Amino acid sequence: MTTPPRQRRHRNESQSHLVDATISAIYKYGFHEATAQRIAEEAGLSAGNIHYHFGSKEELFAAVMRQLMSDISDTLVRELGKADTPLARAHAIIHANLSEPLYTHRNCFVWLQFWSETARSEELARLERINAQRFHRNLLDALSKLLEREDAEKIVHELVAMVDGLWIRKAQDNAAVTPEAAQATVFGYLERRLGAAAGRG
């Protein structure tokens, strides 16, 4: 028996609402203090809706992480659509991760909360690996067209560490670094590491 379209839309809207409410609750209270009751209050729903729509709070948290990953992917696709050279693609990948609406105190703080839980949650760890591998693969694909693959690999590892560090810094102190300053730092480092190869980009 199939679910009627109207009921299906309502369920999807409720799920999306709970995901947004969970992000707000984690931002307000932190990962462990974002209780089912607090999430429900943020959503304006009863706590039973979490179990109805997701089965458990753990499944809801996994859905939140998938949503954050989807936001990153959507932003990246838009940025890459404007890039027509390998260097422009590398810049687009970095820009997508260090510009609004992704690179905000709220997003960085919530993502850091999930990072800290990957040692205790197999599902969150799996999702974090997927996200990290996508970032690494996309950068490597761009830079390996400008450099020998071994050299490109080294630079990609360095860039990933820089971006991760900038997300952590933003999560800790919103005023510590602006999106523009973060981008300038990473772009400048990339240009210096590429050297003459940047002119071939």
N, C-alpha and C. Protein backbone atom coordinates (compact mmCIF):
# COMPACT_ATOMS: atom_id res chain seq x y z
N MET A 1 0.85 -1.19 0.00
CA MET A 1 0.00 0.00 0.00
C MET A 1 0.89 1.25 0.00
N THR A 2 0.70 2.13 -0.96
CA THR A 2 1.53 3.32 -1.07
C THR A 2 0.98 4.45 -0.21
N THR A 3 1.88 5.36 0.21
CA THR A 3 1.49 6.52 1.00
C THR A 3 0.95 7.60 0.08
N PRO A 4 -0.23 8.16 0.37
CA PRO A 4 -0.79 9.23 -0.46
C PRO A 4 0.19 10.40 -0.58
N PRO A 5 0.25 11.07 -1.76
CA PRO A 5 1.20 12.18 -1.97
C PRO A 5 1.13 13.26 -0.91
N ARG A 6 -0.08 13.66 -0.51
CA ARG A 6 -0.22 14.73 0.47
C ARG A 6 0.40 14.33 1.80
N GLN A 7 0.14 13.08 2.22
CA GLN A 7 0.68 12.59 3.48
C GLN A 7 2.20 12.47 3.40
N ARG A 8 2.70 12.06 2.21
CA ARG A 8 4.13 11.93 2.01
C ARG A 8 4.82 13.29 2.09
N ARG A 9 4.20 14.32 1.49
CA ARG A 9 4.76 15.67 1.54
C ARG A 9 4.81 16.18 2.98
N HIS A 10 3.73 15.92 3.71
CA HIS A 10 3.67 16.37 5.11
C HIS A 10 4.77 15.70 5.93
N ARG A 11 4.99 14.39 5.67
CA ARG A 11 6.03 13.67 6.41
C ARG A 11 7.40 14.22 6.07
N ASN A 12 7.64 14.49 4.78
CA ASN A 12 8.93 15.05 4.37
C ASN A 12 9.17 16.43 4.99
N GLU A 13 8.10 17.24 5.05
CA GLU A 13 8.22 18.57 5.65
C GLU A 13 8.52 18.46 7.14
N SER A 14 7.88 17.52 7.81
CA SER A 14 8.13 17.33 9.24
C SER A 14 9.56 16.86 9.49
N GLN A 15 10.05 15.97 8.64
CA GLN A 15 11.42 15.48 8.78
C GLN A 15 12.42 16.62 8.58
N SER A 16 12.18 17.43 7.54
CA SER A 16 13.05 18.57 7.27
C SER A 16 13.03 19.56 8.43
N HIS A 17 11.86 19.78 8.99
CA HIS A 17 11.69 20.70 10.12
C HIS A 17 12.48 20.19 11.33
N LEU A 18 12.43 18.89 11.56
CA LEU A 18 13.16 18.32 12.69
C LEU A 18 14.67 18.40 12.49
N VAL A 19 15.12 18.22 11.25
CA VAL A 19 16.55 18.35 10.94
C VAL A 19 17.01 19.77 11.25
N ASP A 20 16.25 20.76 10.77
CA ASP A 20 16.60 22.17 11.04
C ASP A 20 16.58 22.46 12.54
N ALA A 21 15.60 21.91 13.23
CA ALA A 21 15.49 22.14 14.67
C ALA A 21 16.66 21.51 15.42
N THR A 22 17.13 20.38 14.93
CA THR A 22 18.28 19.70 15.56
C THR A 22 19.54 20.55 15.41
N ILE A 23 19.73 21.11 14.23
CA ILE A 23 20.89 21.99 14.01
C ILE A 23 20.83 23.17 14.97
N SER A 24 19.64 23.76 15.13
CA SER A 24 19.48 24.89 16.05
C SER A 24 19.75 24.47 17.49
N ALA A 25 19.28 23.28 17.87
CA ALA A 25 19.46 22.80 19.25
C ALA A 25 20.93 22.51 19.53
N ILE A 26 21.63 21.91 18.58
CA ILE A 26 23.05 21.63 18.76
C ILE A 26 23.83 22.94 18.88
N TYR A 27 23.46 23.92 18.07
CA TYR A 27 24.13 25.22 18.10
C TYR A 27 23.90 25.93 19.44
N LYS A 28 22.70 25.79 19.99
CA LYS A 28 22.37 26.43 21.26
C LYS A 28 22.98 25.72 22.46
N TYR A 29 22.90 24.37 22.46
CA TYR A 29 23.20 23.61 23.66
C TYR A 29 24.42 22.68 23.55
N GLY A 30 24.91 22.44 22.33
CA GLY A 30 25.97 21.46 22.15
C GLY A 30 25.38 20.09 21.84
N PHE A 31 26.21 19.19 21.36
CA PHE A 31 25.74 17.89 20.88
C PHE A 31 25.03 17.09 21.96
N HIS A 32 25.68 16.93 23.12
CA HIS A 32 25.13 16.06 24.15
C HIS A 32 23.95 16.67 24.90
N GLU A 33 23.86 17.99 24.87
CA GLU A 33 22.74 18.64 25.55
C GLU A 33 21.57 18.91 24.61
N ALA A 34 21.71 18.54 23.35
CA ALA A 34 20.60 18.66 22.40
C ALA A 34 19.69 17.45 22.58
N THR A 35 18.91 17.48 23.63
CA THR A 35 18.04 16.35 23.97
C THR A 35 16.84 16.30 23.04
N ALA A 36 16.18 15.15 23.05
CA ALA A 36 14.97 15.00 22.23
C ALA A 36 13.94 16.06 22.58
N GLN A 37 13.82 16.37 23.87
CA GLN A 37 12.85 17.37 24.30
C GLN A 37 13.20 18.76 23.77
N ARG A 38 14.47 19.10 23.83
CA ARG A 38 14.89 20.41 23.33
C ARG A 38 14.73 20.51 21.82
N ILE A 39 15.05 19.44 21.12
CA ILE A 39 14.86 19.43 19.67
C ILE A 39 13.38 19.60 19.34
N ALA A 40 12.54 18.88 20.06
CA ALA A 40 11.10 18.97 19.84
C ALA A 40 10.59 20.38 20.10
N GLU A 41 11.10 21.01 21.14
CA GLU A 41 10.70 22.39 21.46
C GLU A 41 11.11 23.34 20.34
N GLU A 42 12.32 23.15 19.81
CA GLU A 42 12.78 23.98 18.69
C GLU A 42 11.86 23.82 17.48
N ALA A 43 11.41 22.59 17.28
CA ALA A 43 10.57 22.28 16.12
C ALA A 43 9.10 22.61 16.35
N GLY A 44 8.72 22.81 17.60
CA GLY A 44 7.31 23.04 17.92
C GLY A 44 6.48 21.78 17.77
N LEU A 45 7.13 20.64 18.02
CA LEU A 45 6.46 19.34 17.90
C LEU A 45 6.67 18.56 19.19
N SER A 46 6.00 17.44 19.30
CA SER A 46 6.21 16.58 20.45
C SER A 46 7.44 15.71 20.21
N ALA A 47 8.09 15.28 21.30
CA ALA A 47 9.29 14.46 21.19
C ALA A 47 9.00 13.14 20.48
N GLY A 48 7.77 12.68 20.53
CA GLY A 48 7.41 11.44 19.86
C GLY A 48 7.59 11.49 18.36
N ASN A 49 7.57 12.70 17.79
CA ASN A 49 7.76 12.84 16.35
C ASN A 49 9.15 12.40 15.90
N ILE A 50 10.13 12.55 16.78
CA ILE A 50 11.49 12.12 16.44
C ILE A 50 11.50 10.61 16.18
N HIS A 51 10.90 9.88 17.08
CA HIS A 51 10.87 8.42 16.94
C HIS A 51 9.95 8.00 15.78
N TYR A 52 8.89 8.74 15.57
CA TYR A 52 7.98 8.41 14.48
C TYR A 52 8.65 8.58 13.13
N HIS A 53 9.39 9.69 12.95
CA HIS A 53 9.98 10.00 11.66
C HIS A 53 11.37 9.40 11.44
N PHE A 54 12.12 9.18 12.55
CA PHE A 54 13.50 8.73 12.39
C PHE A 54 13.84 7.44 13.14
N GLY A 55 12.99 7.04 14.04
CA GLY A 55 13.25 5.80 14.78
C GLY A 55 14.02 6.03 16.07
N SER A 56 14.99 6.96 16.04
CA SER A 56 15.78 7.24 17.22
C SER A 56 16.47 8.59 17.04
N LYS A 57 16.98 9.14 18.15
CA LYS A 57 17.71 10.40 18.07
C LYS A 57 19.01 10.22 17.28
N GLU A 58 19.61 9.02 17.39
CA GLU A 58 20.84 8.74 16.66
C GLU A 58 20.60 8.80 15.15
N GLU A 59 19.48 8.26 14.71
CA GLU A 59 19.15 8.31 13.28
C GLU A 59 18.87 9.74 12.83
N LEU A 60 18.26 10.52 13.70
CA LEU A 60 18.02 11.93 13.40
C LEU A 60 19.35 12.66 13.24
N PHE A 61 20.30 12.41 14.14
CA PHE A 61 21.61 13.06 14.04
C PHE A 61 22.31 12.67 12.74
N ALA A 62 22.19 11.41 12.33
CA ALA A 62 22.78 10.98 11.06
C ALA A 62 22.12 11.71 9.90
N ALA A 63 20.81 11.93 9.98
CA ALA A 63 20.09 12.66 8.93
C ALA A 63 20.56 14.11 8.87
N VAL A 64 20.86 14.69 10.03
CA VAL A 64 21.37 16.06 10.07
C VAL A 64 22.73 16.13 9.39
N MET A 65 23.60 15.18 9.66
CA MET A 65 24.92 15.17 9.03
C MET A 65 24.81 15.00 7.53
N ARG A 66 23.88 14.15 7.10
CA ARG A 66 23.67 13.98 5.65
C ARG A 66 23.16 15.27 5.02
N GLN A 67 22.34 16.02 5.73
CA GLN A 67 21.84 17.30 5.22
C GLN A 67 22.98 18.30 5.09
N LEU A 68 23.86 18.36 6.09
CA LEU A 68 25.01 19.26 6.02
C LEU A 68 25.91 18.89 4.84
N MET A 69 26.09 17.60 4.62
CA MET A 69 26.89 17.14 3.48
C MET A 69 26.22 17.51 2.16
N SER A 70 24.91 17.41 2.11
CA SER A 70 24.17 17.78 0.91
C SER A 70 24.30 19.26 0.62
N ASP A 71 24.28 20.09 1.67
CA ASP A 71 24.46 21.53 1.51
C ASP A 71 25.83 21.83 0.91
N ILE A 72 26.86 21.13 1.40
CA ILE A 72 28.21 21.31 0.87
C ILE A 72 28.26 20.90 -0.59
N SER A 73 27.65 19.76 -0.91
CA SER A 73 27.65 19.26 -2.28
C SER A 73 26.93 20.20 -3.23
N ASP A 74 25.79 20.72 -2.81
CA ASP A 74 25.02 21.64 -3.66
C ASP A 74 25.80 22.91 -3.94
N THR A 75 26.45 23.44 -2.90
CA THR A 75 27.25 24.66 -3.07
C THR A 75 28.42 24.40 -4.01
N LEU A 76 29.05 23.24 -3.85
CA LEU A 76 30.19 22.90 -4.70
C LEU A 76 29.79 22.77 -6.17
N VAL A 77 28.67 22.15 -6.42
CA VAL A 77 28.20 22.00 -7.81
C VAL A 77 27.99 23.36 -8.46
N ARG A 78 27.39 24.30 -7.70
CA ARG A 78 27.18 25.65 -8.24
C ARG A 78 28.51 26.34 -8.55
N GLU A 79 29.48 26.20 -7.64
CA GLU A 79 30.77 26.85 -7.83
C GLU A 79 31.52 26.23 -9.01
N LEU A 80 31.50 24.92 -9.12
CA LEU A 80 32.22 24.25 -10.20
C LEU A 80 31.61 24.57 -11.56
N GLY A 81 30.33 24.89 -11.58
CA GLY A 81 29.69 25.24 -12.84
C GLY A 81 30.25 26.51 -13.46
N LYS A 82 30.94 27.32 -12.65
CA LYS A 82 31.53 28.57 -13.15
C LYS A 82 33.00 28.39 -13.53
N ALA A 83 33.60 27.24 -13.23
CA ALA A 83 35.04 27.04 -13.41
C ALA A 83 35.33 26.34 -14.74
N ASP A 84 36.31 26.87 -15.48
CA ASP A 84 36.61 26.29 -16.79
C ASP A 84 38.07 25.89 -16.96
N THR A 85 38.87 25.97 -15.89
CA THR A 85 40.26 25.52 -15.94
C THR A 85 40.54 24.73 -14.66
N PRO A 86 41.61 23.91 -14.64
CA PRO A 86 41.94 23.15 -13.41
C PRO A 86 42.16 24.05 -12.20
N LEU A 87 42.88 25.18 -12.39
CA LEU A 87 43.12 26.08 -11.26
C LEU A 87 41.82 26.73 -10.80
N ALA A 88 40.97 27.08 -11.75
CA ALA A 88 39.67 27.66 -11.39
C ALA A 88 38.82 26.64 -10.63
N ARG A 89 38.94 25.37 -10.99
CA ARG A 89 38.20 24.32 -10.28
C ARG A 89 38.71 24.18 -8.84
N ALA A 90 40.02 24.24 -8.67
CA ALA A 90 40.59 24.16 -7.32
C ALA A 90 40.11 25.35 -6.49
N HIS A 91 40.12 26.54 -7.10
CA HIS A 91 39.63 27.73 -6.40
C HIS A 91 38.15 27.58 -6.05
N ALA A 92 37.37 27.02 -6.96
CA ALA A 92 35.94 26.85 -6.73
C ALA A 92 35.68 25.91 -5.56
N ILE A 93 36.46 24.85 -5.47
CA ILE A 93 36.29 23.87 -4.38
C ILE A 93 36.60 24.53 -3.05
N ILE A 94 37.69 25.29 -3.01
CA ILE A 94 38.08 25.98 -1.78
C ILE A 94 37.05 27.06 -1.43
N HIS A 95 36.65 27.83 -2.45
CA HIS A 95 35.68 28.91 -2.22
C HIS A 95 34.36 28.36 -1.68
N ALA A 96 33.92 27.22 -2.20
CA ALA A 96 32.66 26.62 -1.75
C ALA A 96 32.71 26.28 -0.26
N ASN A 97 33.89 25.86 0.21
CA ASN A 97 34.03 25.46 1.61
C ASN A 97 34.35 26.61 2.56
N LEU A 98 34.70 27.77 2.00
CA LEU A 98 35.11 28.89 2.85
C LEU A 98 34.32 30.16 2.55
N SER A 99 33.09 30.00 2.09
CA SER A 99 32.26 31.17 1.83
C SER A 99 30.86 30.92 2.39
N GLU A 100 30.14 32.00 2.63
CA GLU A 100 28.75 31.86 3.06
C GLU A 100 27.93 31.34 1.88
N PRO A 101 26.90 30.54 2.11
CA PRO A 101 26.28 30.26 3.41
C PRO A 101 26.88 29.09 4.19
N LEU A 102 27.93 28.44 3.67
CA LEU A 102 28.50 27.31 4.39
C LEU A 102 29.40 27.73 5.53
N TYR A 103 30.31 28.65 5.25
CA TYR A 103 31.34 29.00 6.22
C TYR A 103 30.81 30.07 7.18
N THR A 104 29.98 29.62 8.12
CA THR A 104 29.42 30.49 9.15
C THR A 104 29.74 29.88 10.52
N HIS A 105 29.64 30.70 11.54
CA HIS A 105 29.90 30.20 12.90
C HIS A 105 28.96 29.05 13.23
N ARG A 106 27.71 29.18 12.86
CA ARG A 106 26.71 28.15 13.17
C ARG A 106 27.07 26.82 12.52
N ASN A 107 27.35 26.84 11.22
CA ASN A 107 27.68 25.60 10.51
C ASN A 107 28.98 24.99 11.02
N CYS A 108 29.99 25.84 11.20
CA CYS A 108 31.28 25.33 11.66
C CYS A 108 31.17 24.74 13.06
N PHE A 109 30.41 25.39 13.93
CA PHE A 109 30.24 24.88 15.29
C PHE A 109 29.52 23.54 15.28
N VAL A 110 28.42 23.45 14.53
CA VAL A 110 27.65 22.21 14.49
C VAL A 110 28.48 21.10 13.86
N TRP A 111 29.21 21.41 12.79
CA TRP A 111 30.03 20.38 12.14
C TRP A 111 31.12 19.89 13.09
N LEU A 112 31.71 20.80 13.87
CA LEU A 112 32.74 20.41 14.83
C LEU A 112 32.16 19.49 15.89
N GLN A 113 30.92 19.72 16.29
CA GLN A 113 30.26 18.84 17.25
C GLN A 113 30.15 17.43 16.68
N PHE A 114 29.82 17.33 15.41
CA PHE A 114 29.74 16.01 14.78
C PHE A 114 31.12 15.37 14.64
N TRP A 115 32.11 16.16 14.26
CA TRP A 115 33.48 15.64 14.20
C TRP A 115 33.86 14.97 15.50
N SER A 116 33.55 15.63 16.61
CA SER A 116 33.97 15.12 17.92
C SER A 116 33.29 13.81 18.28
N GLU A 117 32.17 13.51 17.62
CA GLU A 117 31.42 12.29 17.91
C GLU A 117 31.80 11.12 17.02
N THR A 118 32.62 11.36 16.00
CA THR A 118 32.92 10.28 15.04
C THR A 118 33.69 9.12 15.69
N ALA A 119 34.39 9.38 16.78
CA ALA A 119 35.11 8.30 17.47
C ALA A 119 34.15 7.36 18.20
N ARG A 120 32.92 7.83 18.45
CA ARG A 120 31.95 7.03 19.21
C ARG A 120 30.79 6.52 18.37
N SER A 121 30.63 7.04 17.16
CA SER A 121 29.51 6.64 16.32
C SER A 121 30.03 6.13 14.97
N GLU A 122 29.79 4.87 14.70
CA GLU A 122 30.25 4.28 13.44
C GLU A 122 29.59 4.95 12.24
N GLU A 123 28.31 5.28 12.36
CA GLU A 123 27.59 5.89 11.24
C GLU A 123 28.09 7.31 10.98
N LEU A 124 28.28 8.10 12.03
CA LEU A 124 28.79 9.45 11.85
C LEU A 124 30.22 9.41 11.30
N ALA A 125 31.00 8.45 11.75
CA ALA A 125 32.37 8.31 11.23
C ALA A 125 32.35 7.95 9.75
N ARG A 126 31.42 7.09 9.36
CA ARG A 126 31.31 6.69 7.95
C ARG A 126 30.94 7.90 7.09
N LEU A 127 30.00 8.70 7.55
CA LEU A 127 29.58 9.88 6.80
C LEU A 127 30.72 10.90 6.71
N GLU A 128 31.46 11.07 7.80
CA GLU A 128 32.57 12.03 7.78
C GLU A 128 33.65 11.58 6.80
N ARG A 129 33.90 10.27 6.72
CA ARG A 129 34.88 9.75 5.76
C ARG A 129 34.45 10.03 4.33
N ILE A 130 33.18 9.84 4.06
CA ILE A 130 32.65 10.10 2.71
C ILE A 130 32.87 11.57 2.35
N ASN A 131 32.55 12.46 3.28
CA ASN A 131 32.70 13.89 3.01
C ASN A 131 34.17 14.25 2.78
N ALA A 132 35.05 13.74 3.64
CA ALA A 132 36.48 14.03 3.52
C ALA A 132 37.05 13.48 2.21
N GLN A 133 36.61 12.28 1.83
CA GLN A 133 37.10 11.68 0.59
C GLN A 133 36.65 12.47 -0.64
N ARG A 134 35.43 12.99 -0.61
CA ARG A 134 34.94 13.81 -1.73
C ARG A 134 35.78 15.08 -1.87
N PHE A 135 36.05 15.73 -0.76
CA PHE A 135 36.84 16.96 -0.78
C PHE A 135 38.23 16.68 -1.33
N HIS A 136 38.86 15.64 -0.82
CA HIS A 136 40.20 15.25 -1.26
C HIS A 136 40.20 14.88 -2.74
N ARG A 137 39.24 14.09 -3.15
CA ARG A 137 39.18 13.62 -4.55
C ARG A 137 38.97 14.78 -5.52
N ASN A 138 38.08 15.70 -5.17
CA ASN A 138 37.80 16.83 -6.05
C ASN A 138 39.03 17.73 -6.22
N LEU A 139 39.72 18.01 -5.12
CA LEU A 139 40.93 18.82 -5.20
C LEU A 139 42.02 18.11 -5.99
N LEU A 140 42.18 16.83 -5.73
CA LEU A 140 43.22 16.06 -6.43
C LEU A 140 42.95 16.00 -7.92
N ASP A 141 41.71 15.84 -8.29
CA ASP A 141 41.35 15.81 -9.71
C ASP A 141 41.75 17.11 -10.40
N ALA A 142 41.57 18.23 -9.72
CA ALA A 142 41.92 19.53 -10.31
C ALA A 142 43.43 19.72 -10.37
N LEU A 143 44.11 19.48 -9.27
CA LEU A 143 45.54 19.79 -9.19
C LEU A 143 46.42 18.80 -9.95
N SER A 144 45.94 17.57 -10.10
CA SER A 144 46.74 16.58 -10.84
C SER A 144 46.81 16.90 -12.33
N LYS A 145 45.99 17.85 -12.79
CA LYS A 145 46.07 18.31 -14.17
C LYS A 145 47.14 19.40 -14.33
N LEU A 146 47.66 19.87 -13.21
CA LEU A 146 48.69 20.91 -13.22
C LEU A 146 50.05 20.39 -12.76
N LEU A 147 50.04 19.31 -11.99
CA LEU A 147 51.27 18.80 -11.38
C LEU A 147 51.34 17.29 -11.51
N GLU A 148 52.54 16.74 -11.25
CA GLU A 148 52.65 15.29 -11.11
C GLU A 148 51.76 14.86 -9.95
N ARG A 149 51.19 13.67 -10.06
CA ARG A 149 50.19 13.25 -9.07
C ARG A 149 50.76 13.23 -7.64
N GLU A 150 52.01 12.81 -7.49
CA GLU A 150 52.60 12.76 -6.16
C GLU A 150 52.69 14.17 -5.55
N ASP A 151 53.08 15.14 -6.37
CA ASP A 151 53.16 16.52 -5.89
C ASP A 151 51.77 17.07 -5.58
N ALA A 152 50.81 16.73 -6.44
CA ALA A 152 49.43 17.17 -6.22
C ALA A 152 48.88 16.59 -4.92
N GLU A 153 49.19 15.32 -4.64
CA GLU A 153 48.73 14.68 -3.41
C GLU A 153 49.23 15.43 -2.18
N LYS A 154 50.50 15.82 -2.19
CA LYS A 154 51.07 16.53 -1.04
C LYS A 154 50.34 17.85 -0.81
N ILE A 155 50.12 18.58 -1.87
CA ILE A 155 49.46 19.88 -1.73
C ILE A 155 48.01 19.71 -1.28
N VAL A 156 47.34 18.70 -1.79
CA VAL A 156 45.95 18.45 -1.39
C VAL A 156 45.87 18.16 0.11
N HIS A 157 46.77 17.33 0.63
CA HIS A 157 46.78 17.04 2.07
C HIS A 157 46.97 18.32 2.87
N GLU A 158 47.83 19.19 2.39
CA GLU A 158 48.09 20.46 3.08
C GLU A 158 46.86 21.36 3.03
N LEU A 159 46.21 21.43 1.87
CA LEU A 159 45.03 22.29 1.73
C LEU A 159 43.87 21.79 2.59
N VAL A 160 43.69 20.48 2.61
CA VAL A 160 42.61 19.91 3.43
C VAL A 160 42.84 20.24 4.90
N ALA A 161 44.09 20.11 5.35
CA ALA A 161 44.41 20.43 6.75
C ALA A 161 44.16 21.91 7.04
N MET A 162 44.49 22.78 6.08
CA MET A 162 44.25 24.21 6.27
C MET A 162 42.77 24.52 6.38
N VAL A 163 41.98 23.97 5.48
CA VAL A 163 40.54 24.23 5.49
C VAL A 163 39.91 23.68 6.78
N ASP A 164 40.30 22.46 7.17
CA ASP A 164 39.79 21.90 8.42
C ASP A 164 40.13 22.82 9.59
N GLY A 165 41.37 23.31 9.62
CA GLY A 165 41.79 24.21 10.70
C GLY A 165 41.00 25.51 10.72
N LEU A 166 40.69 26.03 9.54
CA LEU A 166 39.92 27.27 9.46
C LEU A 166 38.48 27.06 9.91
N TRP A 167 37.92 25.87 9.65
CA TRP A 167 36.58 25.56 10.14
C TRP A 167 36.59 25.47 11.67
N ILE A 168 37.62 24.83 12.22
CA ILE A 168 37.72 24.73 13.68
C ILE A 168 37.87 26.12 14.30
N ARG A 169 38.71 26.95 13.68
CA ARG A 169 38.91 28.31 14.20
C ARG A 169 37.61 29.11 14.18
N LYS A 170 36.86 28.98 13.09
CA LYS A 170 35.59 29.69 12.97
C LYS A 170 34.60 29.20 14.02
N ALA A 171 34.60 27.89 14.27
CA ALA A 171 33.70 27.32 15.28
C ALA A 171 34.02 27.85 16.66
N GLN A 172 35.31 28.05 16.94
CA GLN A 172 35.72 28.50 18.25
C GLN A 172 35.46 29.99 18.47
N ASP A 173 35.65 30.78 17.40
CA ASP A 173 35.53 32.24 17.54
C ASP A 173 35.09 32.82 16.20
N ASN A 174 33.85 33.23 16.12
CA ASN A 174 33.30 33.73 14.86
C ASN A 174 34.07 34.92 14.30
N ALA A 175 34.56 35.78 15.19
CA ALA A 175 35.24 36.99 14.75
C ALA A 175 36.70 36.76 14.38
N ALA A 176 37.22 35.56 14.66
CA ALA A 176 38.64 35.29 14.46
C ALA A 176 39.04 35.32 13.00
N VAL A 177 38.15 34.91 12.12
CA VAL A 177 38.48 34.86 10.70
C VAL A 177 37.21 35.04 9.87
N THR A 178 37.28 35.92 8.87
CA THR A 178 36.15 36.13 7.97
C THR A 178 36.29 35.19 6.78
N PRO A 179 35.19 34.95 6.05
CA PRO A 179 35.31 34.13 4.84
C PRO A 179 36.35 34.69 3.87
N GLU A 180 36.38 35.99 3.72
CA GLU A 180 37.33 36.61 2.78
C GLU A 180 38.78 36.36 3.22
N ALA A 181 39.05 36.49 4.52
CA ALA A 181 40.40 36.27 5.02
C ALA A 181 40.79 34.80 4.90
N ALA A 182 39.84 33.92 5.18
CA ALA A 182 40.11 32.48 5.06
C ALA A 182 40.46 32.11 3.63
N GLN A 183 39.66 32.61 2.69
CA GLN A 183 39.93 32.32 1.28
C GLN A 183 41.29 32.88 0.85
N ALA A 184 41.59 34.12 1.24
CA ALA A 184 42.86 34.74 0.86
C ALA A 184 44.04 33.93 1.39
N THR A 185 43.91 33.42 2.60
CA THR A 185 44.98 32.61 3.20
C THR A 185 45.25 31.35 2.38
N VAL A 186 44.18 30.64 2.05
CA VAL A 186 44.34 29.37 1.33
C VAL A 186 44.72 29.60 -0.13
N PHE A 187 44.10 30.58 -0.77
CA PHE A 187 44.45 30.87 -2.16
C PHE A 187 45.92 31.29 -2.27
N GLY A 188 46.37 32.13 -1.35
CA GLY A 188 47.75 32.59 -1.37
C GLY A 188 48.71 31.43 -1.19
N TYR A 189 48.38 30.53 -0.26
CA TYR A 189 49.23 29.35 -0.03
C TYR A 189 49.27 28.47 -1.28
N LEU A 190 48.12 28.27 -1.90
CA LEU A 190 48.06 27.43 -3.10
C LEU A 190 48.91 28.03 -4.22
N GLU A 191 48.80 29.32 -4.43
CA GLU A 191 49.59 29.97 -5.49
C GLU A 191 51.09 29.78 -5.24
N ARG A 192 51.52 29.93 -3.98
CA ARG A 192 52.94 29.77 -3.67
C ARG A 192 53.40 28.34 -3.88
N ARG A 193 52.55 27.38 -3.51
CA ARG A 193 52.92 25.97 -3.68
C ARG A 193 52.94 25.55 -5.13
N LEU A 194 52.06 26.11 -5.93
CA LEU A 194 52.01 25.76 -7.35
C LEU A 194 53.18 26.38 -8.11
N GLY A 195 53.60 27.56 -7.71
CA GLY A 195 54.69 28.23 -8.40
C GLY A 195 54.34 28.48 -9.85
N ALA A 196 55.26 28.09 -10.73
CA ALA A 196 55.07 28.31 -12.18
C ALA A 196 53.87 27.57 -12.74
N ALA A 197 53.49 26.46 -12.08
CA ALA A 197 52.37 25.67 -12.58
C ALA A 197 51.06 26.44 -12.53
N ALA A 198 50.99 27.47 -11.65
CA ALA A 198 49.77 28.27 -11.56
C ALA A 198 49.49 28.98 -12.88
N GLY A 199 50.56 29.33 -13.59
CA GLY A 199 50.39 30.01 -14.87
C GLY A 199 49.83 29.13 -15.94
N ARG A 200 49.87 27.80 -15.72
CA ARG A 200 49.32 26.85 -16.71
C ARG A 200 47.87 26.54 -16.42
N GLY A 201 47.37 27.09 -15.28
CA GLY A 201 46.01 26.73 -14.84
C GLY A 201 44.94 27.38 -15.64
